[in-house]
Amino acid sequence: MGTETLTVKVIEDREKSIKVECNGATVFLPRSQIERYTDKPDGKALITIPAWLYREKFE
């Protein structure tokens, strides 16, 4: 199992998920599946998620 690291725009921050925009798609990602989350100074975030979740949400 691989991972995908991508830069996203955070739209909404909830207790158990975050709503993000990336590649023209706006989706909710469960916090439990985010392996790494780093805020960037431009208001975006760098996240690492499992490859299967990336395929399900963004392809």
PDB file of N, CA and C in Angstrom:
ATOM      1  N   MET A   1       0.835  -1.188   0.000  1.00  0.00           N
ATOM      2  CA  MET A   1       0.000   0.000   0.000  1.00  0.00           C
ATOM      3  C   MET A   1       0.874   1.243   0.000  1.00  0.00           C
ATOM      4  N   GLY A   2       0.562   2.138  -0.916  1.00  0.00           N
ATOM      5  CA  GLY A   2       1.331   3.359  -0.999  1.00  0.00           C
ATOM      6  C   GLY A   2       0.586   4.545  -0.428  1.00  0.00           C
ATOM      7  N   THR A   3       1.227   5.679  -0.539  1.00  0.00           N
ATOM      8  CA  THR A   3       0.612   6.917  -0.079  1.00  0.00           C
ATOM      9  C   THR A   3       0.728   7.974  -1.168  1.00  0.00           C
ATOM     10  N   GLU A   4      -0.072   9.001  -1.039  1.00  0.00           N
ATOM     11  CA  GLU A   4      -0.026  10.161  -1.931  1.00  0.00           C
ATOM     12  C   GLU A   4       0.127  11.402  -1.066  1.00  0.00           C
ATOM     13  N   THR A   5       1.018  12.293  -1.451  1.00  0.00           N
ATOM     14  CA  THR A   5       1.196  13.561  -0.759  1.00  0.00           C
ATOM     15  C   THR A   5       0.773  14.662  -1.705  1.00  0.00           C
ATOM     16  N   LEU A   6      -0.107  15.543  -1.226  1.00  0.00           N
ATOM     17  CA  LEU A   6      -0.629  16.588  -2.080  1.00  0.00           C
ATOM     18  C   LEU A   6      -0.865  17.877  -1.307  1.00  0.00           C
ATOM     19  N   THR A   7      -0.900  18.968  -2.050  1.00  0.00           N
ATOM     20  CA  THR A   7      -1.195  20.276  -1.470  1.00  0.00           C
ATOM     21  C   THR A   7      -2.673  20.548  -1.691  1.00  0.00           C
ATOM     22  N   VAL A   8      -3.367  20.908  -0.614  1.00  0.00           N
ATOM     23  CA  VAL A   8      -4.805  21.149  -0.680  1.00  0.00           C
ATOM     24  C   VAL A   8      -5.147  22.497  -0.070  1.00  0.00           C
ATOM     25  N   LYS A   9      -6.277  23.034  -0.474  1.00  0.00           N
ATOM     26  CA  LYS A   9      -6.831  24.224   0.168  1.00  0.00           C
ATOM     27  C   LYS A   9      -7.859  23.738   1.185  1.00  0.00           C
ATOM     28  N   VAL A  10      -7.674  24.102   2.449  1.00  0.00           N
ATOM     29  CA  VAL A  10      -8.595  23.668   3.486  1.00  0.00           C
ATOM     30  C   VAL A  10      -9.802  24.603   3.489  1.00  0.00           C
ATOM     31  N   ILE A  11     -10.985  24.035   3.263  1.00  0.00           N
ATOM     32  CA  ILE A  11     -12.229  24.796   3.202  1.00  0.00           C
ATOM     33  C   ILE A  11     -12.898  24.844   4.576  1.00  0.00           C
ATOM     34  N   GLU A  12     -12.924  23.681   5.248  1.00  0.00           N
ATOM     35  CA  GLU A  12     -13.597  23.577   6.546  1.00  0.00           C
ATOM     36  C   GLU A  12     -12.865  22.562   7.407  1.00  0.00           C
ATOM     37  N   ASP A  13     -12.739  22.888   8.680  1.00  0.00           N
ATOM     38  CA  ASP A  13     -12.036  22.033   9.627  1.00  0.00           C
ATOM     39  C   ASP A  13     -13.031  21.537  10.666  1.00  0.00           C
ATOM     40  N   ARG A  14     -13.283  20.227  10.683  1.00  0.00           N
ATOM     41  CA  ARG A  14     -14.226  19.635  11.632  1.00  0.00           C
ATOM     42  C   ARG A  14     -13.489  18.707  12.583  1.00  0.00           C
ATOM     43  N   GLU A  15     -14.202  18.234  13.580  1.00  0.00           N
ATOM     44  CA  GLU A  15     -13.584  17.372  14.589  1.00  0.00           C
ATOM     45  C   GLU A  15     -13.038  16.074  13.997  1.00  0.00           C
ATOM     46  N   LYS A  16     -13.815  15.431  13.128  1.00  0.00           N
ATOM     47  CA  LYS A  16     -13.406  14.130  12.598  1.00  0.00           C
ATOM     48  C   LYS A  16     -13.030  14.134  11.127  1.00  0.00           C
ATOM     49  N   SER A  17     -13.140  15.291  10.475  1.00  0.00           N
ATOM     50  CA  SER A  17     -12.797  15.355   9.053  1.00  0.00           C
ATOM     51  C   SER A  17     -12.405  16.778   8.676  1.00  0.00           C
ATOM     52  N   ILE A  18     -11.812  16.877   7.488  1.00  0.00           N
ATOM     53  CA  ILE A  18     -11.543  18.196   6.926  1.00  0.00           C
ATOM     54  C   ILE A  18     -12.103  18.225   5.499  1.00  0.00           C
ATOM     55  N   LYS A  19     -12.637  19.363   5.122  1.00  0.00           N
ATOM     56  CA  LYS A  19     -13.138  19.563   3.771  1.00  0.00           C
ATOM     57  C   LYS A  19     -12.045  20.293   3.008  1.00  0.00           C
ATOM     58  N   VAL A  20     -11.604  19.693   1.901  1.00  0.00           N
ATOM     59  CA  VAL A  20     -10.500  20.260   1.139  1.00  0.00           C
ATOM     60  C   VAL A  20     -10.866  20.394  -0.332  1.00  0.00           C
ATOM     61  N   GLU A  21     -10.103  21.254  -1.004  1.00  0.00           N
ATOM     62  CA  GLU A  21     -10.226  21.407  -2.443  1.00  0.00           C
ATOM     63  C   GLU A  21      -8.878  21.069  -3.069  1.00  0.00           C
ATOM     64  N   CYS A  22      -8.926  20.215  -4.079  1.00  0.00           N
ATOM     65  CA  CYS A  22      -7.698  19.806  -4.778  1.00  0.00           C
ATOM     66  C   CYS A  22      -8.069  19.279  -6.158  1.00  0.00           C
ATOM     67  N   ASN A  23      -7.316  19.663  -7.156  1.00  0.00           N
ATOM     68  CA  ASN A  23      -7.526  19.194  -8.527  1.00  0.00           C
ATOM     69  C   ASN A  23      -8.956  19.416  -9.005  1.00  0.00           C
ATOM     70  N   GLY A  24      -9.594  20.505  -8.571  1.00  0.00           N
ATOM     71  CA  GLY A  24     -10.949  20.812  -8.996  1.00  0.00           C
ATOM     72  C   GLY A  24     -12.040  20.087  -8.243  1.00  0.00           C
ATOM     73  N   ALA A  25     -11.670  19.237  -7.291  1.00  0.00           N
ATOM     74  CA  ALA A  25     -12.658  18.492  -6.504  1.00  0.00           C
ATOM     75  C   ALA A  25     -12.677  19.018  -5.071  1.00  0.00           C
ATOM     76  N   THR A  26     -13.883  19.085  -4.488  1.00  0.00           N
ATOM     77  CA  THR A  26     -14.038  19.459  -3.088  1.00  0.00           C
ATOM     78  C   THR A  26     -14.600  18.243  -2.356  1.00  0.00           C
ATOM     79  N   VAL A  27     -13.842  17.740  -1.379  1.00  0.00           N
ATOM     80  CA  VAL A  27     -14.220  16.502  -0.692  1.00  0.00           C
ATOM     81  C   VAL A  27     -13.929  16.597   0.803  1.00  0.00           C
ATOM     82  N   PHE A  28     -14.579  15.721   1.561  1.00  0.00           N
ATOM     83  CA  PHE A  28     -14.258  15.555   2.978  1.00  0.00           C
ATOM     84  C   PHE A  28     -13.274  14.401   3.106  1.00  0.00           C
ATOM     85  N   LEU A  29     -12.238  14.586   3.917  1.00  0.00           N
ATOM     86  CA  LEU A  29     -11.277  13.527   4.211  1.00  0.00           C
ATOM     87  C   LEU A  29     -11.329  13.225   5.699  1.00  0.00           C
ATOM     88  N   PRO A  30     -11.459  11.946   6.064  1.00  0.00           N
ATOM     89  CA  PRO A  30     -11.483  11.600   7.484  1.00  0.00           C
ATOM     90  C   PRO A  30     -10.116  11.817   8.123  1.00  0.00           C
ATOM     91  N   ARG A  31     -10.095  12.472   9.270  1.00  0.00           N
ATOM     92  CA  ARG A  31      -8.832  12.733   9.978  1.00  0.00           C
ATOM     93  C   ARG A  31      -8.069  11.439  10.279  1.00  0.00           C
ATOM     94  N   SER A  32      -8.809  10.362  10.525  1.00  0.00           N
ATOM     95  CA  SER A  32      -8.177   9.089  10.876  1.00  0.00           C
ATOM     96  C   SER A  32      -7.335   8.527   9.728  1.00  0.00           C
ATOM     97  N   GLN A  33      -7.568   8.998   8.495  1.00  0.00           N
ATOM     98  CA  GLN A  33      -6.821   8.505   7.331  1.00  0.00           C
ATOM     99  C   GLN A  33      -5.700   9.446   6.888  1.00  0.00           C
ATOM    100  N   ILE A  34      -5.598  10.607   7.515  1.00  0.00           N
ATOM    101  CA  ILE A  34      -4.544  11.560   7.143  1.00  0.00           C
ATOM    102  C   ILE A  34      -3.283  11.196   7.920  1.00  0.00           C
ATOM    103  N   GLU A  35      -2.273  10.738   7.204  1.00  0.00           N
ATOM    104  CA  GLU A  35      -1.040  10.273   7.845  1.00  0.00           C
ATOM    105  C   GLU A  35      -0.129  11.426   8.245  1.00  0.00           C
ATOM    106  N   ARG A  36      -0.148  12.499   7.464  1.00  0.00           N
ATOM    107  CA  ARG A  36       0.671  13.676   7.782  1.00  0.00           C
ATOM    108  C   ARG A  36      -0.092  14.915   7.328  1.00  0.00           C
ATOM    109  N   TYR A  37      -0.060  15.952   8.172  1.00  0.00           N
ATOM    110  CA  TYR A  37      -0.747  17.215   7.880  1.00  0.00           C
ATOM    111  C   TYR A  37       0.169  18.353   8.294  1.00  0.00           C
ATOM    112  N   THR A  38       0.526  19.194   7.330  1.00  0.00           N
ATOM    113  CA  THR A  38       1.410  20.323   7.597  1.00  0.00           C
ATOM    114  C   THR A  38       0.803  21.585   7.008  1.00  0.00           C
ATOM    115  N   ASP A  39       0.546  22.583   7.865  1.00  0.00           N
ATOM    116  CA  ASP A  39       0.049  23.871   7.379  1.00  0.00           C
ATOM    117  C   ASP A  39       1.137  24.578   6.590  1.00  0.00           C
ATOM    118  N   LYS A  40       0.726  25.257   5.512  1.00  0.00           N
ATOM    119  CA  LYS A  40       1.645  26.063   4.724  1.00  0.00           C
ATOM    120  C   LYS A  40       1.288  27.532   4.930  1.00  0.00           C
ATOM    121  N   PRO A  41       2.240  28.441   4.758  1.00  0.00           N
ATOM    122  CA  PRO A  41       1.984  29.860   5.002  1.00  0.00           C
ATOM    123  C   PRO A  41       0.973  30.503   4.048  1.00  0.00           C
ATOM    124  N   ASP A  42       0.706  29.887   2.912  1.00  0.00           N
ATOM    125  CA  ASP A  42      -0.220  30.474   1.937  1.00  0.00           C
ATOM    126  C   ASP A  42      -1.680  30.084   2.176  1.00  0.00           C
ATOM    127  N   GLY A  43      -1.982  29.522   3.350  1.00  0.00           N
ATOM    128  CA  GLY A  43      -3.353  29.130   3.665  1.00  0.00           C
ATOM    129  C   GLY A  43      -3.719  27.743   3.183  1.00  0.00           C
ATOM    130  N   LYS A  44      -2.765  27.055   2.616  1.00  0.00           N
ATOM    131  CA  LYS A  44      -2.995  25.686   2.156  1.00  0.00           C
ATOM    132  C   LYS A  44      -2.334  24.719   3.121  1.00  0.00           C
ATOM    133  N   ALA A  45      -2.469  23.429   2.847  1.00  0.00           N
ATOM    134  CA  ALA A  45      -1.856  22.412   3.698  1.00  0.00           C
ATOM    135  C   ALA A  45      -1.266  21.316   2.825  1.00  0.00           C
ATOM    136  N   LEU A  46      -0.235  20.699   3.320  1.00  0.00           N
ATOM    137  CA  LEU A  46       0.391  19.553   2.679  1.00  0.00           C
ATOM    138  C   LEU A  46      -0.065  18.326   3.452  1.00  0.00           C
ATOM    139  N   ILE A  47      -0.740  17.390   2.767  1.00  0.00           N
ATOM    140  CA  ILE A  47      -1.248  16.202   3.451  1.00  0.00           C
ATOM    141  C   ILE A  47      -0.745  14.933   2.774  1.00  0.00           C
ATOM    142  N   THR A  48      -0.649  13.883   3.552  1.00  0.00           N
ATOM    143  CA  THR A  48      -0.321  12.553   3.040  1.00  0.00           C
ATOM    144  C   THR A  48      -1.465  11.635   3.421  1.00  0.00           C
ATOM    145  N   ILE A  49      -2.033  10.971   2.408  1.00  0.00           N
ATOM    146  CA  ILE A  49      -3.148  10.048   2.618  1.00  0.00           C
ATOM    147  C   ILE A  49      -2.847   8.733   1.894  1.00  0.00           C
ATOM    148  N   PRO A  50      -3.528   7.648   2.256  1.00  0.00           N
ATOM    149  CA  PRO A  50      -3.324   6.378   1.549  1.00  0.00           C
ATOM    150  C   PRO A  50      -3.699   6.510   0.068  1.00  0.00           C
ATOM    151  N   ALA A  51      -2.996   5.770  -0.772  1.00  0.00           N
ATOM    152  CA  ALA A  51      -3.230   5.831  -2.217  1.00  0.00           C
ATOM    153  C   ALA A  51      -4.669   5.445  -2.567  1.00  0.00           C
ATOM    154  N   TRP A  52      -5.242   4.473  -1.872  1.00  0.00           N
ATOM    155  CA  TRP A  52      -6.615   4.056  -2.175  1.00  0.00           C
ATOM    156  C   TRP A  52      -7.606   5.196  -1.925  1.00  0.00           C
ATOM    157  N   LEU A  53      -7.368   5.995  -0.882  1.00  0.00           N
ATOM    158  CA  LEU A  53      -8.252   7.113  -0.574  1.00  0.00           C
ATOM    159  C   LEU A  53      -8.102   8.207  -1.627  1.00  0.00           C
ATOM    160  N   TYR A  54      -6.886   8.450  -2.068  1.00  0.00           N
ATOM    161  CA  TYR A  54      -6.643   9.416  -3.144  1.00  0.00           C
ATOM    162  C   TYR A  54      -7.406   9.018  -4.402  1.00  0.00           C
ATOM    163  N   ARG A  55      -7.304   7.749  -4.781  1.00  0.00           N
ATOM    164  CA  ARG A  55      -8.005   7.273  -5.981  1.00  0.00           C
ATOM    165  C   ARG A  55      -9.519   7.417  -5.825  1.00  0.00           C
ATOM    166  N   GLU A  56     -10.031   7.092  -4.654  1.00  0.00           N
ATOM    167  CA  GLU A  56     -11.476   7.153  -4.403  1.00  0.00           C
ATOM    168  C   GLU A  56     -12.007   8.590  -4.450  1.00  0.00           C
ATOM    169  N   LYS A  57     -11.243   9.534  -3.922  1.00  0.00           N
ATOM    170  CA  LYS A  57     -11.726  10.902  -3.802  1.00  0.00           C
ATOM    171  C   LYS A  57     -11.353  11.815  -4.963  1.00  0.00           C
ATOM    172  N   PHE A  58     -10.219  11.582  -5.614  1.00  0.00           N
ATOM    173  CA  PHE A  58      -9.723  12.552  -6.584  1.00  0.00           C
ATOM    174  C   PHE A  58      -9.594  12.044  -8.017  1.00  0.00           C
ATOM    175  N   GLU A  59      -9.811  10.774  -8.246  1.00  0.00           N
ATOM    176  CA  GLU A  59      -9.699  10.275  -9.637  1.00  0.00           C
ATOM    177  C   GLU A  59     -11.055   9.944 -10.212  1.00  0.00           C
TER     178      GLU A  59
END
